[in-house]
Each structure stands twice: as C-alpha cells, then as structure tokens.
Amino acid sequence: MKNCKLCKYSKVCNDLPGICILVPYIAVAVVAIAMGYLFITQELL
C-alpha cells in the first residue's frame, strides 16, 4: 500500500498498512471508554 487514503499519516501507513484500518476503531474506542469512565465517576460521586 503506497498510498493510504484513509490515513493522513501516509509514512506511518506505508510502514504499517493495518494502522489505517485500526485508527477509526481505536479513536471510537478511546472516546467510548473516556465517556464511560467520566459517566461512572460522576455517578459514583
């Protein structure tokens, strides 16, 4: 994969093409975990 359209960091994607596929899922997971953590901590307090 010389050009990765989904990933802005083409150099990283050229080295690791799998990152282009994983980046959106990782971003969603991080946001979901952060929101869940904030919700739980607010409810416990």
PDB file of N, CA and C in Angstrom:
ATOM      1  N   MET A   1       0.845  -1.194   0.000  1.00  0.00           N
ATOM      2  CA  MET A   1       0.000   0.000   0.000  1.00  0.00           C
ATOM      3  C   MET A   1       0.883   1.249   0.000  1.00  0.00           C
ATOM      4  N   LYS A   2       1.067   1.798  -1.190  1.00  0.00           N
ATOM      5  CA  LYS A   2       1.902   3.001  -1.272  1.00  0.00           C
ATOM      6  C   LYS A   2       1.127   4.221  -0.799  1.00  0.00           C
ATOM      7  N   ASN A   3      -0.129   4.298  -1.176  1.00  0.00           N
ATOM      8  CA  ASN A   3      -0.955   5.432  -0.777  1.00  0.00           C
ATOM      9  C   ASN A   3      -2.116   4.957   0.072  1.00  0.00           C
ATOM     10  N   CYS A   4      -2.237   5.550   1.247  1.00  0.00           N
ATOM     11  CA  CYS A   4      -3.347   5.192   2.121  1.00  0.00           C
ATOM     12  C   CYS A   4      -4.254   6.408   2.228  1.00  0.00           C
ATOM     13  N   LYS A   5      -5.424   6.335   1.605  1.00  0.00           N
ATOM     14  CA  LYS A   5      -6.319   7.488   1.535  1.00  0.00           C
ATOM     15  C   LYS A   5      -7.028   7.748   2.855  1.00  0.00           C
ATOM     16  N   LEU A   6      -7.234   6.679   3.651  1.00  0.00           N
ATOM     17  CA  LEU A   6      -7.977   6.840   4.896  1.00  0.00           C
ATOM     18  C   LEU A   6      -7.124   7.453   6.000  1.00  0.00           C
ATOM     19  N   CYS A   7      -5.805   7.365   5.820  1.00  0.00           N
ATOM     20  CA  CYS A   7      -4.922   7.823   6.884  1.00  0.00           C
ATOM     21  C   CYS A   7      -4.118   9.012   6.407  1.00  0.00           C
ATOM     22  N   LYS A   8      -4.109  10.096   7.189  1.00  0.00           N
ATOM     23  CA  LYS A   8      -3.366  11.296   6.800  1.00  0.00           C
ATOM     24  C   LYS A   8      -1.866  11.089   6.935  1.00  0.00           C
ATOM     25  N   TYR A   9      -1.471  10.213   7.858  1.00  0.00           N
ATOM     26  CA  TYR A   9      -0.048   9.970   8.069  1.00  0.00           C
ATOM     27  C   TYR A   9       0.403   8.858   7.141  1.00  0.00           C
ATOM     28  N   SER A  10       0.688   9.233   5.893  1.00  0.00           N
ATOM     29  CA  SER A  10       0.985   8.234   4.871  1.00  0.00           C
ATOM     30  C   SER A  10       2.269   7.466   5.182  1.00  0.00           C
ATOM     31  N   LYS A  11       3.251   8.126   5.814  1.00  0.00           N
ATOM     32  CA  LYS A  11       4.511   7.440   6.124  1.00  0.00           C
ATOM     33  C   LYS A  11       4.275   6.306   7.101  1.00  0.00           C
ATOM     34  N   VAL A  12       3.474   6.561   8.128  1.00  0.00           N
ATOM     35  CA  VAL A  12       3.176   5.525   9.112  1.00  0.00           C
ATOM     36  C   VAL A  12       2.388   4.413   8.452  1.00  0.00           C
ATOM     37  N   CYS A  13       1.438   4.783   7.587  1.00  0.00           N
ATOM     38  CA  CYS A  13       0.598   3.786   6.925  1.00  0.00           C
ATOM     39  C   CYS A  13       1.393   2.947   5.945  1.00  0.00           C
ATOM     40  N   ASN A  14       2.404   3.541   5.320  1.00  0.00           N
ATOM     41  CA  ASN A  14       3.222   2.772   4.386  1.00  0.00           C
ATOM     42  C   ASN A  14       4.016   1.709   5.147  1.00  0.00           C
ATOM     43  N   ASP A  15       4.441   2.048   6.375  1.00  0.00           N
ATOM     44  CA  ASP A  15       5.173   1.080   7.181  1.00  0.00           C
ATOM     45  C   ASP A  15       4.224   0.043   7.763  1.00  0.00           C
ATOM     46  N   LEU A  16       3.070   0.507   8.249  1.00  0.00           N
ATOM     47  CA  LEU A  16       2.099  -0.391   8.865  1.00  0.00           C
ATOM     48  C   LEU A  16       0.724  -0.139   8.269  1.00  0.00           C
ATOM     49  N   PRO A  17       0.382  -0.798   7.169  1.00  0.00           N
ATOM     50  CA  PRO A  17      -0.896  -0.575   6.491  1.00  0.00           C
ATOM     51  C   PRO A  17      -2.090  -0.861   7.387  1.00  0.00           C
ATOM     52  N   GLY A  18      -1.942  -1.778   8.353  1.00  0.00           N
ATOM     53  CA  GLY A  18      -3.045  -2.129   9.233  1.00  0.00           C
ATOM     54  C   GLY A  18      -3.523  -0.958  10.076  1.00  0.00           C
ATOM     55  N   ILE A  19      -2.635  -0.001  10.328  1.00  0.00           N
ATOM     56  CA  ILE A  19      -3.000   1.148  11.164  1.00  0.00           C
ATOM     57  C   ILE A  19      -4.130   1.945  10.508  1.00  0.00           C
ATOM     58  N   CYS A  20      -4.130   2.020   9.210  1.00  0.00           N
ATOM     59  CA  CYS A  20      -5.178   2.773   8.510  1.00  0.00           C
ATOM     60  C   CYS A  20      -6.550   2.200   8.814  1.00  0.00           C
ATOM     61  N   ILE A  21      -6.609   0.888   8.945  1.00  0.00           N
ATOM     62  CA  ILE A  21      -7.889   0.241   9.217  1.00  0.00           C
ATOM     63  C   ILE A  21      -8.244   0.381  10.694  1.00  0.00           C
ATOM     64  N   LEU A  22      -7.231   0.341  11.563  1.00  0.00           N
ATOM     65  CA  LEU A  22      -7.482   0.343  13.001  1.00  0.00           C
ATOM     66  C   LEU A  22      -7.712   1.731  13.583  1.00  0.00           C
ATOM     67  N   VAL A  23      -7.163   2.769  12.953  1.00  0.00           N
ATOM     68  CA  VAL A  23      -7.248   4.125  13.525  1.00  0.00           C
ATOM     69  C   VAL A  23      -8.681   4.558  13.849  1.00  0.00           C
ATOM     70  N   PRO A  24      -9.647   4.426  12.928  1.00  0.00           N
ATOM     71  CA  PRO A  24     -11.016   4.848  13.261  1.00  0.00           C
ATOM     72  C   PRO A  24     -11.592   4.067  14.442  1.00  0.00           C
ATOM     73  N   TYR A  25     -11.330   2.765  14.495  1.00  0.00           N
ATOM     74  CA  TYR A  25     -11.861   1.950  15.582  1.00  0.00           C
ATOM     75  C   TYR A  25     -11.201   2.317  16.904  1.00  0.00           C
ATOM     76  N   ILE A  26      -9.886   2.584  16.867  1.00  0.00           N
ATOM     77  CA  ILE A  26      -9.175   2.980  18.082  1.00  0.00           C
ATOM     78  C   ILE A  26      -9.717   4.314  18.587  1.00  0.00           C
ATOM     79  N   ALA A  27      -9.959   5.249  17.669  1.00  0.00           N
ATOM     80  CA  ALA A  27     -10.489   6.556  18.061  1.00  0.00           C
ATOM     81  C   ALA A  27     -11.860   6.413  18.716  1.00  0.00           C
ATOM     82  N   VAL A  28     -12.733   5.601  18.118  1.00  0.00           N
ATOM     83  CA  VAL A  28     -14.069   5.384  18.684  1.00  0.00           C
ATOM     84  C   VAL A  28     -13.971   4.708  20.044  1.00  0.00           C
ATOM     85  N   ALA A  29     -13.081   3.737  20.166  1.00  0.00           N
ATOM     86  CA  ALA A  29     -12.918   3.025  21.430  1.00  0.00           C
ATOM     87  C   ALA A  29     -12.423   3.968  22.523  1.00  0.00           C
ATOM     88  N   VAL A  30     -11.460   4.825  22.195  1.00  0.00           N
ATOM     89  CA  VAL A  30     -10.923   5.766  23.181  1.00  0.00           C
ATOM     90  C   VAL A  30     -12.015   6.721  23.650  1.00  0.00           C
ATOM     91  N   VAL A  31     -12.799   7.246  22.724  1.00  0.00           N
ATOM     92  CA  VAL A  31     -13.890   8.164  23.080  1.00  0.00           C
ATOM     93  C   VAL A  31     -14.931   7.447  23.934  1.00  0.00           C
ATOM     94  N   ALA A  32     -15.291   6.234  23.548  1.00  0.00           N
ATOM     95  CA  ALA A  32     -16.303   5.480  24.293  1.00  0.00           C
ATOM     96  C   ALA A  32     -15.820   5.177  25.709  1.00  0.00           C
ATOM     97  N   ILE A  33     -14.565   4.761  25.840  1.00  0.00           N
ATOM     98  CA  ILE A  33     -14.011   4.454  27.161  1.00  0.00           C
ATOM     99  C   ILE A  33     -13.935   5.715  28.010  1.00  0.00           C
ATOM    100  N   ALA A  34     -13.516   6.825  27.405  1.00  0.00           N
ATOM    101  CA  ALA A  34     -13.423   8.085  28.143  1.00  0.00           C
ATOM    102  C   ALA A  34     -14.798   8.532  28.624  1.00  0.00           C
ATOM    103  N   MET A  35     -15.799   8.466  27.760  1.00  0.00           N
ATOM    104  CA  MET A  35     -17.150   8.863  28.141  1.00  0.00           C
ATOM    105  C   MET A  35     -17.703   7.942  29.227  1.00  0.00           C
ATOM    106  N   GLY A  36     -17.475   6.644  29.083  1.00  0.00           N
ATOM    107  CA  GLY A  36     -17.918   5.690  30.095  1.00  0.00           C
ATOM    108  C   GLY A  36     -17.246   5.936  31.430  1.00  0.00           C
ATOM    109  N   TYR A  37     -15.955   6.205  31.394  1.00  0.00           N
ATOM    110  CA  TYR A  37     -15.204   6.477  32.627  1.00  0.00           C
ATOM    111  C   TYR A  37     -15.734   7.725  33.309  1.00  0.00           C
ATOM    112  N   LEU A  38     -15.941   8.791  32.540  1.00  0.00           N
ATOM    113  CA  LEU A  38     -16.465  10.032  33.113  1.00  0.00           C
ATOM    114  C   LEU A  38     -17.862   9.819  33.681  1.00  0.00           C
ATOM    115  N   PHE A  39     -18.691   9.088  32.976  1.00  0.00           N
ATOM    116  CA  PHE A  39     -20.062   8.832  33.438  1.00  0.00           C
ATOM    117  C   PHE A  39     -20.053   8.047  34.749  1.00  0.00           C
ATOM    118  N   ILE A  40     -19.228   7.002  34.813  1.00  0.00           N
ATOM    119  CA  ILE A  40     -19.164   6.169  36.007  1.00  0.00           C
ATOM    120  C   ILE A  40     -18.636   6.970  37.189  1.00  0.00           C
ATOM    121  N   THR A  41     -17.573   7.740  36.977  1.00  0.00           N
ATOM    122  CA  THR A  41     -17.001   8.507  38.085  1.00  0.00           C
ATOM    123  C   THR A  41     -17.980   9.567  38.564  1.00  0.00           C
ATOM    124  N   GLN A  42     -18.718  10.188  37.661  1.00  0.00           N
ATOM    125  CA  GLN A  42     -19.697  11.185  38.066  1.00  0.00           C
ATOM    126  C   GLN A  42     -20.852  10.558  38.830  1.00  0.00           C
ATOM    127  N   GLU A  43     -21.269   9.363  38.431  1.00  0.00           N
ATOM    128  CA  GLU A  43     -22.370   8.693  39.106  1.00  0.00           C
ATOM    129  C   GLU A  43     -21.954   8.226  40.503  1.00  0.00           C
ATOM    130  N   LEU A  44     -20.712   7.784  40.638  1.00  0.00           N
ATOM    131  CA  LEU A  44     -20.250   7.320  41.938  1.00  0.00           C
ATOM    132  C   LEU A  44     -20.054   8.487  42.899  1.00  0.00           C
ATOM    133  N   LEU A  45     -19.682   9.637  42.368  1.00  0.00           N
ATOM    134  CA  LEU A  45     -19.514  10.810  43.227  1.00  0.00           C
ATOM    135  C   LEU A  45     -20.866  11.454  43.439  1.00  0.00           C
TER     136      LEU A  45
END
